[in-house]
C-alpha atoms as a PDB file:
ATOM      1  CA  MET A   1      -0.680   3.199  -2.135  1.00  0.00           C
ATOM      2  CA  VAL A   2      -3.327   2.150  -3.932  1.00  0.00           C
ATOM      3  CA  GLY A   3      -5.544  -0.372  -4.648  1.00  0.00           C
ATOM      4  CA  GLY A   4      -8.368  -1.341  -7.322  1.00  0.00           C
ATOM      5  CA  SER A   5     -11.491  -1.065  -5.335  1.00  0.00           C
ATOM      6  CA  PRO A   6     -13.440  -3.901  -4.590  1.00  0.00           C
ATOM      7  CA  GLY A   7     -16.606  -3.310  -6.393  1.00  0.00           C
ATOM      8  CA  GLY A   8     -18.734  -1.039  -8.405  1.00  0.00           C
ATOM      9  CA  THR A   9     -19.526   0.244 -12.210  1.00  0.00           C
ATOM     10  CA  HIS A  10     -16.929   1.875 -14.490  1.00  0.00           C
ATOM     11  CA  PRO A  11     -18.808   5.172 -15.147  1.00  0.00           C
ATOM     12  CA  THR A  12     -20.179   6.203 -18.947  1.00  0.00           C
ATOM     13  CA  SER A  13     -20.125   9.923 -17.511  1.00  0.00           C
ATOM     14  CA  PRO A  14     -16.152  11.779 -18.797  1.00  0.00           C
ATOM     15  CA  ARG A  15     -16.842  14.127 -15.725  1.00  0.00           C
ATOM     16  CA  GLU A  16     -17.122  10.785 -13.121  1.00  0.00           C
ATOM     17  CA  ARG A  17     -13.922   9.912 -15.268  1.00  0.00           C
ATOM     18  CA  GLN A  18     -12.149  13.130 -14.073  1.00  0.00           C
ATOM     19  CA  ARG A  19     -13.225  13.408 -10.372  1.00  0.00           C
ATOM     20  CA  GLY A  20     -11.833   9.605 -10.155  1.00  0.00           C
ATOM     21  CA  ILE A  21      -9.098  10.202 -12.219  1.00  0.00           C
ATOM     22  CA  VAL A  22      -8.163  13.100  -9.479  1.00  0.00           C
ATOM     23  CA  MET A  23      -9.181  11.710  -6.227  1.00  0.00           C
ATOM     24  CA  VAL A  24      -6.794   8.278  -7.130  1.00  0.00           C
ATOM     25  CA  ALA A  25      -4.195  10.598  -8.061  1.00  0.00           C
ATOM     26  CA  ALA A  26      -4.782  12.608  -4.611  1.00  0.00           C
ATOM     27  CA  SER A  27      -4.735   9.359  -2.303  1.00  0.00           C
ATOM     28  CA  ALA A  28      -1.316   8.069  -4.494  1.00  0.00           C
ATOM     29  CA  VAL A  29       0.511  11.871  -2.892  1.00  0.00           C
ATOM     30  CA  LEU A  30      -1.132  10.911   0.218  1.00  0.00           C
ATOM     31  CA  TRP A  31       0.184   7.701   0.430  1.00  0.00           C
ATOM     32  CA  SER A  32       3.627   8.837  -0.732  1.00  0.00           C
ATOM     33  CA  THR A  33       4.065  10.534   2.722  1.00  0.00           C
ATOM     34  CA  ALA A  34       4.913   7.517   4.334  1.00  0.00           C
ATOM     35  CA  GLY A  35       8.505   7.485   4.478  1.00  0.00           C
ATOM     36  CA  LEU A  36       8.106  11.589   4.877  1.00  0.00           C
ATOM     37  CA  PHE A  37       6.202  11.330   8.637  1.00  0.00           C
ATOM     38  CA  VAL A  38       8.213   8.261   9.569  1.00  0.00           C
ATOM     39  CA  ARG A  39      11.369  10.321   9.201  1.00  0.00           C
ATOM     40  CA  LEU A  40      10.173  12.887  11.171  1.00  0.00           C
ATOM     41  CA  ALA A  41       8.433  11.278  13.465  1.00  0.00           C
ATOM     42  CA  THR A  42      12.249   9.751  14.721  1.00  0.00           C
ATOM     43  CA  LEU A  43      10.326   6.597  16.884  1.00  0.00           C
ATOM     44  CA  ASP A  44      10.767   3.347  17.381  1.00  0.00           C
ATOM     45  CA  THR A  45       9.317   0.400  15.135  1.00  0.00           C
ATOM     46  CA  ALA A  46       6.714  -0.282  17.873  1.00  0.00           C
ATOM     47  CA  THR A  47       6.135   3.106  19.394  1.00  0.00           C
ATOM     48  CA  LEU A  48       5.433   4.603  15.852  1.00  0.00           C
ATOM     49  CA  VAL A  49       3.213   1.346  14.932  1.00  0.00           C
ATOM     50  CA  MET A  50       1.151   1.941  17.726  1.00  0.00           C
ATOM     51  CA  TRP A  51       0.635   5.359  17.304  1.00  0.00           C
ATOM     52  CA  ARG A  52      -0.054   5.690  13.718  1.00  0.00           C
ATOM     53  CA  SER A  53      -2.748   2.966  14.258  1.00  0.00           C
ATOM     54  CA  LEU A  54      -4.712   4.366  16.927  1.00  0.00           C
ATOM     55  CA  PHE A  55      -4.730   7.694  14.748  1.00  0.00           C
ATOM     56  CA  ALA A  56      -5.302   5.438  11.945  1.00  0.00           C
ATOM     57  CA  ALA A  57      -8.216   3.587  13.385  1.00  0.00           C
ATOM     58  CA  LEU A  58      -9.853   6.756  14.836  1.00  0.00           C
ATOM     59  CA  THR A  59      -9.601   7.664  10.835  1.00  0.00           C
ATOM     60  CA  LEU A  60     -11.202   4.852   9.379  1.00  0.00           C
ATOM     61  CA  GLY A  61     -13.477   3.869  12.273  1.00  0.00           C
ATOM     62  CA  GLY A  62     -15.083   6.843  12.400  1.00  0.00           C
ATOM     63  CA  LEU A  63     -15.308   7.016   9.051  1.00  0.00           C
ATOM     64  CA  ALA A  64     -17.505   4.109   9.039  1.00  0.00           C
ATOM     65  CA  LEU A  65     -19.536   5.502  11.729  1.00  0.00           C
ATOM     66  CA  ALA A  66     -20.162   8.663   9.869  1.00  0.00           C
ATOM     67  CA  ARG A  67     -21.121   6.697   6.406  1.00  0.00           C
ATOM     68  CA  GLY A  68     -23.302   3.118   8.235  1.00  0.00           C
ATOM     69  CA  GLY A  69     -23.283   3.562  11.604  1.00  0.00           C
ATOM     70  CA  PRO A  70     -22.606   0.762  14.208  1.00  0.00           C
ATOM     71  CA  ALA A  71     -23.824  -1.240  12.195  1.00  0.00           C
ATOM     72  CA  ARG A  72     -21.053  -1.304  10.000  1.00  0.00           C
ATOM     73  CA  LEU A  73     -18.487  -2.139  12.529  1.00  0.00           C
ATOM     74  CA  TRP A  74     -20.486  -4.343  13.882  1.00  0.00           C
ATOM     75  CA  ALA A  75     -20.868  -6.789  10.757  1.00  0.00           C
ATOM     76  CA  VAL A  76     -17.378  -7.676  10.817  1.00  0.00           C
ATOM     77  CA  ARG A  77     -18.251 -10.192  13.335  1.00  0.00           C
ATOM     78  CA  ARG A  78     -19.763 -11.842  10.079  1.00  0.00           C
ATOM     79  CA  SER A  79     -17.024 -11.605   8.043  1.00  0.00           C
ATOM     80  CA  GLY A  80     -15.518 -15.068   9.121  1.00  0.00           C
ATOM     81  CA  GLY A  81     -12.747 -16.420   7.751  1.00  0.00           C
ATOM     82  CA  THR A  82     -11.994 -14.263   5.488  1.00  0.00           C
ATOM     83  CA  GLY A  83     -12.445 -11.251   7.866  1.00  0.00           C
ATOM     84  CA  LEU A  84      -9.468 -12.849   9.547  1.00  0.00           C
ATOM     85  CA  LEU A  85      -7.067 -13.362   7.124  1.00  0.00           C
ATOM     86  CA  PHE A  86      -7.689  -9.581   5.786  1.00  0.00           C
ATOM     87  CA  ILE A  87      -6.809  -8.338   9.321  1.00  0.00           C
ATOM     88  CA  GLY A  88      -4.489 -10.953   9.899  1.00  0.00           C
ATOM     89  CA  THR A  89      -2.526  -9.755   6.393  1.00  0.00           C
ATOM     90  CA  SER A  90      -3.472  -5.898   6.898  1.00  0.00           C
ATOM     91  CA  VAL A  91      -1.499  -5.669  10.827  1.00  0.00           C
ATOM     92  CA  VAL A  92       1.365  -7.813   9.481  1.00  0.00           C
ATOM     93  CA  SER A  93       1.643  -5.867   6.087  1.00  0.00           C
ATOM     94  CA  SER A  94       1.486  -2.630   8.446  1.00  0.00           C
ATOM     95  CA  ILE A  95       4.513  -3.464  11.286  1.00  0.00           C
ATOM     96  CA  ALA A  96       6.624  -5.368   8.132  1.00  0.00           C
ATOM     97  CA  TYR A  97       6.003  -1.807   6.425  1.00  0.00           C
ATOM     98  CA  VAL A  98       6.670   0.577   9.566  1.00  0.00           C
ATOM     99  CA  LEU A  99      10.017  -1.674   9.797  1.00  0.00           C
ATOM    100  CA  SER A 100      11.017  -1.945   6.230  1.00  0.00           C
ATOM    101  CA  LEU A 101      10.890   2.307   6.336  1.00  0.00           C
ATOM    102  CA  ARG A 102      12.766   2.701  10.001  1.00  0.00           C
ATOM    103  CA  LEU A 103      15.735   0.102   8.425  1.00  0.00           C
ATOM    104  CA  THR A 104      16.420   0.681   5.322  1.00  0.00           C
ATOM    105  CA  THR A 105      15.623   3.587   2.248  1.00  0.00           C
ATOM    106  CA  VAL A 106      12.150   4.766   1.100  1.00  0.00           C
ATOM    107  CA  ALA A 107      13.574   4.233  -2.466  1.00  0.00           C
ATOM    108  CA  ASN A 108      14.102   0.101  -1.834  1.00  0.00           C
ATOM    109  CA  VAL A 109      10.824   0.010   0.099  1.00  0.00           C
ATOM    110  CA  MET A 110       8.798   1.618  -2.965  1.00  0.00           C
ATOM    111  CA  THR A 111      11.098  -0.222  -5.611  1.00  0.00           C
ATOM    112  CA  VAL A 112      10.012  -3.519  -3.674  1.00  0.00           C
ATOM    113  CA  TYR A 113       6.108  -2.061  -3.525  1.00  0.00           C
ATOM    114  CA  ALA A 114       5.963  -1.538  -7.041  1.00  0.00           C
ATOM    115  CA  ALA A 115       6.323  -4.970  -7.860  1.00  0.00           C
ATOM    116  CA  LEU A 116       3.175  -5.208  -6.600  1.00  0.00           C
ATOM    117  CA  PRO A 117       0.532  -6.287 -10.080  1.00  0.00           C
ATOM    118  CA  PHE A 118       3.424  -9.126 -10.230  1.00  0.00           C
ATOM    119  CA  VAL A 119       3.204 -10.723  -6.354  1.00  0.00           C
ATOM    120  CA  ALA A 120      -0.821 -10.152  -7.159  1.00  0.00           C
ATOM    121  CA  THR A 121      -0.718 -11.850  -9.950  1.00  0.00           C
ATOM    122  CA  ALA A 122       1.466 -14.893  -9.225  1.00  0.00           C
ATOM    123  CA  ILE A 123      -0.606 -15.391  -5.754  1.00  0.00           C
ATOM    124  CA  ALA A 124      -3.898 -15.493  -7.759  1.00  0.00           C
ATOM    125  CA  PHE A 125      -2.362 -18.163  -9.944  1.00  0.00           C
ATOM    126  CA  VAL A 126      -1.457 -20.180  -6.810  1.00  0.00           C
ATOM    127  CA  TRP A 127      -4.547 -19.627  -4.867  1.00  0.00           C
ATOM    128  CA  ILE A 128      -7.229 -19.081  -7.255  1.00  0.00           C
ATOM    129  CA  ARG A 129      -5.980 -20.744 -10.757  1.00  0.00           C
ATOM    130  CA  GLU A 130      -5.732 -17.296 -12.407  1.00  0.00           C
ATOM    131  CA  ARG A 131      -4.167 -17.727 -15.584  1.00  0.00           C
ATOM    132  CA  ILE A 132      -0.575 -16.018 -16.123  1.00  0.00           C
ATOM    133  CA  SER A 133      -0.107 -14.734 -19.661  1.00  0.00           C
ATOM    134  CA  ARG A 134       3.582 -14.834 -21.390  1.00  0.00           C
ATOM    135  CA  ARG A 135       3.147 -10.659 -20.698  1.00  0.00           C
ATOM    136  CA  PHE A 136       3.178 -11.432 -17.010  1.00  0.00           C
ATOM    137  CA  LEU A 137       6.148 -13.453 -17.340  1.00  0.00           C
ATOM    138  CA  VAL A 138       8.234 -11.150 -19.044  1.00  0.00           C
ATOM    139  CA  ALA A 139       7.502  -8.178 -16.954  1.00  0.00           C
ATOM    140  CA  GLY A 140       7.807  -9.888 -13.804  1.00  0.00           C
ATOM    141  CA  GLY A 141      11.286 -11.260 -15.190  1.00  0.00           C
ATOM    142  CA  LEU A 142      12.400  -7.428 -15.129  1.00  0.00           C
ATOM    143  CA  GLY A 143      10.664  -6.730 -12.285  1.00  0.00           C
ATOM    144  CA  ALA A 144      12.204  -9.062 -10.328  1.00  0.00           C
ATOM    145  CA  GLY A 145      15.723  -8.425 -11.747  1.00  0.00           C
ATOM    146  CA  GLY A 146      15.451  -4.825 -10.996  1.00  0.00           C
ATOM    147  CA  ILE A 147      14.699  -5.568  -7.600  1.00  0.00           C
ATOM    148  CA  ILE A 148      17.940  -8.160  -7.163  1.00  0.00           C
ATOM    149  CA  ALA A 149      20.068  -5.595  -9.019  1.00  0.00           C
ATOM    150  CA  MET A 150      18.612  -2.575  -5.764  1.00  0.00           C
ATOM    151  CA  ALA A 151      19.161  -5.284  -3.479  1.00  0.00           C
ATOM    152  CA  GLY A 152      22.448  -6.184  -4.566  1.00  0.00           C
ATOM    153  CA  ALA A 153      23.412  -2.315  -4.342  1.00  0.00           C
ATOM    154  CA  SER A 154      22.686  -2.401  -0.457  1.00  0.00           C
ATOM    155  CA  THR A 155      25.433  -1.736   1.871  1.00  0.00           C
ATOM    156  CA  GLY A 156      25.087  -3.731   5.084  1.00  0.00           C
ATOM    157  CA  ALA A 157      22.915  -5.716   6.898  1.00  0.00           C
ATOM    158  CA  GLY A 158      19.777  -3.176   7.799  1.00  0.00           C
ATOM    159  CA  ASP A 159      19.415  -3.098   4.288  1.00  0.00           C
ATOM    160  CA  LEU A 160      18.508  -6.074   3.649  1.00  0.00           C
ATOM    161  CA  ALA A 161      16.469  -6.580   6.654  1.00  0.00           C
ATOM    162  CA  GLY A 162      14.780  -3.689   5.729  1.00  0.00           C
ATOM    163  CA  ILE A 163      14.232  -4.810   1.973  1.00  0.00           C
ATOM    164  CA  GLY A 164      12.597  -8.617   3.362  1.00  0.00           C
ATOM    165  CA  ALA A 165      10.047  -6.195   5.379  1.00  0.00           C
ATOM    166  CA  ALA A 166       9.510  -4.505   2.441  1.00  0.00           C
ATOM    167  CA  VAL A 167       8.958  -7.405   0.877  1.00  0.00           C
ATOM    168  CA  VAL A 168       6.823  -9.192   3.465  1.00  0.00           C
ATOM    169  CA  MET A 169       4.906  -5.744   3.587  1.00  0.00           C
ATOM    170  CA  THR A 170       4.078  -6.304  -0.643  1.00  0.00           C
ATOM    171  CA  ALA A 171       3.395  -9.842  -0.302  1.00  0.00           C
ATOM    172  CA  GLY A 172       0.959  -8.830   2.851  1.00  0.00           C
ATOM    173  CA  PHE A 173      -1.008  -6.501   0.715  1.00  0.00           C
ATOM    174  CA  ALA A 174      -0.967  -9.014  -2.469  1.00  0.00           C
ATOM    175  CA  VAL A 175      -3.192 -11.430  -0.198  1.00  0.00           C
ATOM    176  CA  GLN A 176      -5.597  -9.155   1.016  1.00  0.00           C
ATOM    177  CA  LEU A 177      -6.575  -7.884  -2.558  1.00  0.00           C
ATOM    178  CA  VAL A 178      -6.643 -11.631  -4.134  1.00  0.00           C
ATOM    179  CA  ALA A 179      -8.501 -12.440  -0.629  1.00  0.00           C
ATOM    180  CA  ILE A 180     -10.893  -9.450  -2.249  1.00  0.00           C
ATOM    181  CA  ARG A 181     -11.768 -11.213  -5.610  1.00  0.00           C
ATOM    182  CA  ARG A 182     -11.449 -14.131  -3.855  1.00  0.00           C
ATOM    183  CA  TYR A 183     -14.039 -13.891  -1.609  1.00  0.00           C
ATOM    184  CA  GLY A 184     -15.932 -11.103  -3.302  1.00  0.00           C
ATOM    185  CA  ARG A 185     -17.267  -7.928  -1.439  1.00  0.00           C
ATOM    186  CA  VAL A 186     -16.092  -7.103   1.558  1.00  0.00           C
ATOM    187  CA  ASP A 187     -15.841  -4.058   3.900  1.00  0.00           C
ATOM    188  CA  VAL A 188     -12.405  -3.116   3.395  1.00  0.00           C
ATOM    189  CA  MET A 189     -12.580   0.025   5.198  1.00  0.00           C
ATOM    190  CA  ALA A 190     -14.538  -1.655   8.093  1.00  0.00           C
ATOM    191  CA  LEU A 191     -11.650  -5.037   8.500  1.00  0.00           C
ATOM    192  CA  ASN A 192      -9.141  -1.518   7.924  1.00  0.00           C
ATOM    193  CA  ALA A 193     -10.245  -0.017  10.667  1.00  0.00           C
ATOM    194  CA  CYS A 194     -10.221  -3.367  12.737  1.00  0.00           C
ATOM    195  CA  ALA A 195      -6.798  -4.313  11.755  1.00  0.00           C
ATOM    196  CA  ALA A 196      -5.215  -0.291  12.818  1.00  0.00           C
ATOM    197  CA  ALA A 197      -7.153  -1.033  16.210  1.00  0.00           C
ATOM    198  CA  THR A 198      -5.433  -4.613  17.233  1.00  0.00           C
ATOM    199  CA  CYS A 199      -2.283  -3.500  16.301  1.00  0.00           C
ATOM    200  CA  VAL A 200      -2.448  -0.810  18.602  1.00  0.00           C
ATOM    201  CA  PRO A 201      -2.405  -3.982  21.847  1.00  0.00           C
ATOM    202  CA  LEU A 202      -0.016  -6.141  20.021  1.00  0.00           C
ATOM    203  CA  MET A 203       2.635  -3.139  20.271  1.00  0.00           C
ATOM    204  CA  VAL A 204       1.779  -1.905  23.769  1.00  0.00           C
ATOM    205  CA  PRO A 205       4.395  -4.723  24.956  1.00  0.00           C
ATOM    206  CA  PHE A 206       7.270  -3.327  22.510  1.00  0.00           C
ATOM    207  CA  ALA A 207       6.230   0.466  23.083  1.00  0.00           C
ATOM    208  CA  SER A 208       7.427   3.103  25.014  1.00  0.00           C
ATOM    209  CA  MET A 209       4.714   4.656  27.289  1.00  0.00           C
ATOM    210  CA  ALA A 210       6.637   8.079  27.217  1.00  0.00           C
ATOM    211  CA  LEU A 211       4.100  10.777  25.239  1.00  0.00           C
ATOM    212  CA  PRO A 212       6.015  11.793  21.972  1.00  0.00           C
ATOM    213  CA  SER A 213       7.355  15.167  21.636  1.00  0.00           C
ATOM    214  CA  PRO A 214       4.446  17.509  19.536  1.00  0.00           C
ATOM    215  CA  VAL A 215       6.301  16.835  16.529  1.00  0.00           C
ATOM    216  CA  GLN A 216       6.178  12.900  16.463  1.00  0.00           C
ATOM    217  CA  LEU A 217       2.512  13.080  17.620  1.00  0.00           C
ATOM    218  CA  VAL A 218       1.745  15.280  15.084  1.00  0.00           C
ATOM    219  CA  ALA A 219       3.639  13.135  12.653  1.00  0.00           C
ATOM    220  CA  CYS A 220       1.964  10.199  13.928  1.00  0.00           C
ATOM    221  CA  ALA A 221      -1.431  11.827  13.864  1.00  0.00           C
ATOM    222  CA  CYS A 222      -0.384  12.607  10.079  1.00  0.00           C
ATOM    223  CA  TYR A 223       0.695   8.971   8.981  1.00  0.00           C
ATOM    224  CA  GLY A 224      -2.537   7.735  10.273  1.00  0.00           C
ATOM    225  CA  ALA A 225      -5.181   9.592   9.839  1.00  0.00           C
ATOM    226  CA  ILE A 226      -4.097  11.089   6.465  1.00  0.00           C
ATOM    227  CA  THR A 227      -1.471   8.981   4.901  1.00  0.00           C
ATOM    228  CA  THR A 228      -3.714   5.762   5.871  1.00  0.00           C
ATOM    229  CA  GLY A 229      -7.334   6.818   6.651  1.00  0.00           C
ATOM    230  CA  PHE A 230      -8.171   9.523   3.964  1.00  0.00           C
ATOM    231  CA  ALA A 231      -5.749   8.038   1.067  1.00  0.00           C
ATOM    232  CA  TYR A 232      -7.708   4.600   1.568  1.00  0.00           C
ATOM    233  CA  VAL A 233     -10.892   6.695   1.033  1.00  0.00           C
ATOM    234  CA  LEU A 234     -10.246   8.512  -2.009  1.00  0.00           C
ATOM    235  CA  ALA A 235      -8.582   5.642  -3.778  1.00  0.00           C
ATOM    236  CA  LEU A 236     -11.864   3.747  -2.957  1.00  0.00           C
ATOM    237  CA  GLU A 237     -14.163   6.351  -4.034  1.00  0.00           C
ATOM    238  CA  GLY A 238     -11.429   7.352  -7.428  1.00  0.00           C
ATOM    239  CA  GLY A 239     -11.232   3.498  -7.960  1.00  0.00           C
ATOM    240  CA  ARG A 240     -15.307   3.292  -8.519  1.00  0.00           C
ATOM    241  CA  ARG A 241     -15.236   5.322 -11.400  1.00  0.00           C
ATOM    242  CA  VAL A 242     -11.391   4.437 -12.892  1.00  0.00           C
ATOM    243  CA  PRO A 243     -10.711   1.252 -14.419  1.00  0.00           C
ATOM    244  CA  PRO A 244      -8.223  -0.735 -12.649  1.00  0.00           C
ATOM    245  CA  GLY A 245      -5.142  -0.402 -15.503  1.00  0.00           C
ATOM    246  CA  GLU A 246      -5.462   3.114 -15.046  1.00  0.00           C
ATOM    247  CA  VAL A 247      -5.661   3.158 -11.430  1.00  0.00           C
ATOM    248  CA  GLY A 248      -2.215   0.351 -11.312  1.00  0.00           C
ATOM    249  CA  PHE A 249      -0.509   3.786 -13.780  1.00  0.00           C
ATOM    250  CA  ILE A 250      -2.325   7.095 -11.391  1.00  0.00           C
ATOM    251  CA  SER A 251      -0.880   4.796  -8.488  1.00  0.00           C
ATOM    252  CA  MET A 252       2.947   4.276  -9.772  1.00  0.00           C
ATOM    253  CA  LEU A 253       3.200   8.288  -8.183  1.00  0.00           C
ATOM    254  CA  ASP A 254       3.373   6.964  -4.961  1.00  0.00           C
ATOM    255  CA  VAL A 255       6.327   5.009  -5.909  1.00  0.00           C
ATOM    256  CA  VAL A 256       7.772   7.971  -7.688  1.00  0.00           C
ATOM    257  CA  LEU A 257       6.736  10.679  -4.841  1.00  0.00           C
ATOM    258  CA  GLY A 258       7.587   8.578  -1.479  1.00  0.00           C
ATOM    259  CA  PRO A 259      11.271   9.050  -2.637  1.00  0.00           C
ATOM    260  CA  LEU A 260      11.354  12.278  -3.713  1.00  0.00           C
ATOM    261  CA  TRP A 261       9.812  13.713  -0.493  1.00  0.00           C
ATOM    262  CA  VAL A 262      12.759  12.216   2.045  1.00  0.00           C
ATOM    263  CA  TRP A 263      14.905  13.031  -1.055  1.00  0.00           C
ATOM    264  CA  LEU A 264      14.186  17.074  -0.554  1.00  0.00           C
ATOM    265  CA  ALA A 265      13.293  16.985   3.643  1.00  0.00           C
ATOM    266  CA  PHE A 266      16.103  15.120   4.447  1.00  0.00           C
ATOM    267  CA  GLY A 267      18.798  14.408   2.137  1.00  0.00           C
ATOM    268  CA  GLU A 268      18.274  10.899   1.522  1.00  0.00           C
ATOM    269  CA  ARG A 269      19.138  10.284  -1.720  1.00  0.00           C
ATOM    270  CA  PRO A 270      18.889   7.559  -4.128  1.00  0.00           C
ATOM    271  CA  GLY A 271      21.925   5.724  -5.336  1.00  0.00           C
ATOM    272  CA  ALA A 272      22.486   5.159  -8.786  1.00  0.00           C
ATOM    273  CA  MET A 273      22.152   1.509  -8.449  1.00  0.00           C
ATOM    274  CA  VAL A 274      18.634   1.828  -7.113  1.00  0.00           C
ATOM    275  CA  ILE A 275      17.792   4.545  -9.235  1.00  0.00           C
ATOM    276  CA  THR A 276      18.288   1.994 -12.430  1.00  0.00           C
ATOM    277  CA  GLY A 277      16.233  -0.959 -10.308  1.00  0.00           C
ATOM    278  CA  GLY A 278      13.619   1.226  -9.635  1.00  0.00           C
ATOM    279  CA  ALA A 279      13.289   2.994 -13.286  1.00  0.00           C
ATOM    280  CA  VAL A 280      13.651  -1.419 -14.395  1.00  0.00           C
ATOM    281  CA  VAL A 281      10.760  -2.389 -11.706  1.00  0.00           C
ATOM    282  CA  LEU A 282       8.247   0.995 -13.101  1.00  0.00           C
ATOM    283  CA  GLY A 283       8.894   0.318 -16.611  1.00  0.00           C
ATOM    284  CA  SER A 284       8.144  -3.601 -16.687  1.00  0.00           C
ATOM    285  CA  VAL A 285       5.504  -2.330 -14.503  1.00  0.00           C
ATOM    286  CA  ALA A 286       4.210   0.225 -16.884  1.00  0.00           C
ATOM    287  CA  TRP A 287       4.513  -1.967 -19.877  1.00  0.00           C
ATOM    288  CA  TYR A 288       2.772  -4.923 -18.383  1.00  0.00           C
ATOM    289  CA  LEU A 289       0.063  -3.012 -17.819  1.00  0.00           C
ATOM    290  CA  TRP A 290      -0.326  -0.663 -20.862  1.00  0.00           C
ATOM    291  CA  SER A 291       0.051  -3.995 -22.914  1.00  0.00           C
ATOM    292  CA  SER A 292      -2.796  -5.415 -20.260  1.00  0.00           C
ATOM    293  CA  ASP A 293      -5.180  -2.581 -21.428  1.00  0.00           C
ATOM    294  CA  LYS A 294      -4.188  -2.930 -25.025  1.00  0.00           C
ATOM    295  CA  ALA A 295      -5.165  -6.456 -25.163  1.00  0.00           C
ATOM    296  CA  ALA A 296      -8.937  -6.351 -23.413  1.00  0.00           C
ATOM    297  CA  SER A 297      -9.277  -3.130 -25.904  1.00  0.00           C
ATOM    298  CA  ALA A 298      -9.021  -4.979 -28.335  1.00  0.00           C
ATOM    299  CA  GLY A 299     -10.695  -8.230 -27.488  1.00  0.00           C
ATOM    300  CA  ALA A 300     -13.611  -6.141 -26.322  1.00  0.00           C
END
């Protein structure tokens, strides 16, 4: 799941921009494997979250230590209420993400997540009074229609619960994005490492203490280390080299590839209405980002 970097300047070098595009695209491809590893692990939600969070904490914590030493992790204590908000929403989003993937199809989850730009913009309007354009209202309405159409095609209570969990996950990520804008630069890598570490003891009372099979353990390790850890670092570094609008376009790879992997590996084929709803959401996001970039270029 790709997000813009919390700072940095865009380079003038075409080579640096190309490197950034490759990094963001690679992060989107890695993030798109989340559903694949969840299906491969075949663990209950609490156990999967516990093991995934352990590997994510080790990966992100290790990377933070390698880049800034112990002081970088200790500095999280000075983040105050902002840090607590970020960690809290990250914990909730991580649990809701796994829960949504366990309850409904990856295509349904990715369709909801594709609406992240709209959710973040709406939260920013309420929280920090950012202006909402007519483009947002039109695109957001279309996106909401696509999600409603997809939800209407759900086959049971499990699907609806999974879609609800995906909405919670998306809202949580949106709050994190707006918090970064509201409170300025924060060490997102260190905070995410702390959030992952927090998930582990929270899940222990509900998780199975039996050691997973080698295949399950590898799936959890890949989910935590690759899908969460390395993908995040690539997104952060690439986002410093590429304008946010382009990051938004490239991140759509995640939404498209996620359902594709589980379709190829497990035969989880999305229905016609899900494909239609997903296409509407993706199309509305693409139009919104393209028109926003065009308007920004015209005003420059």
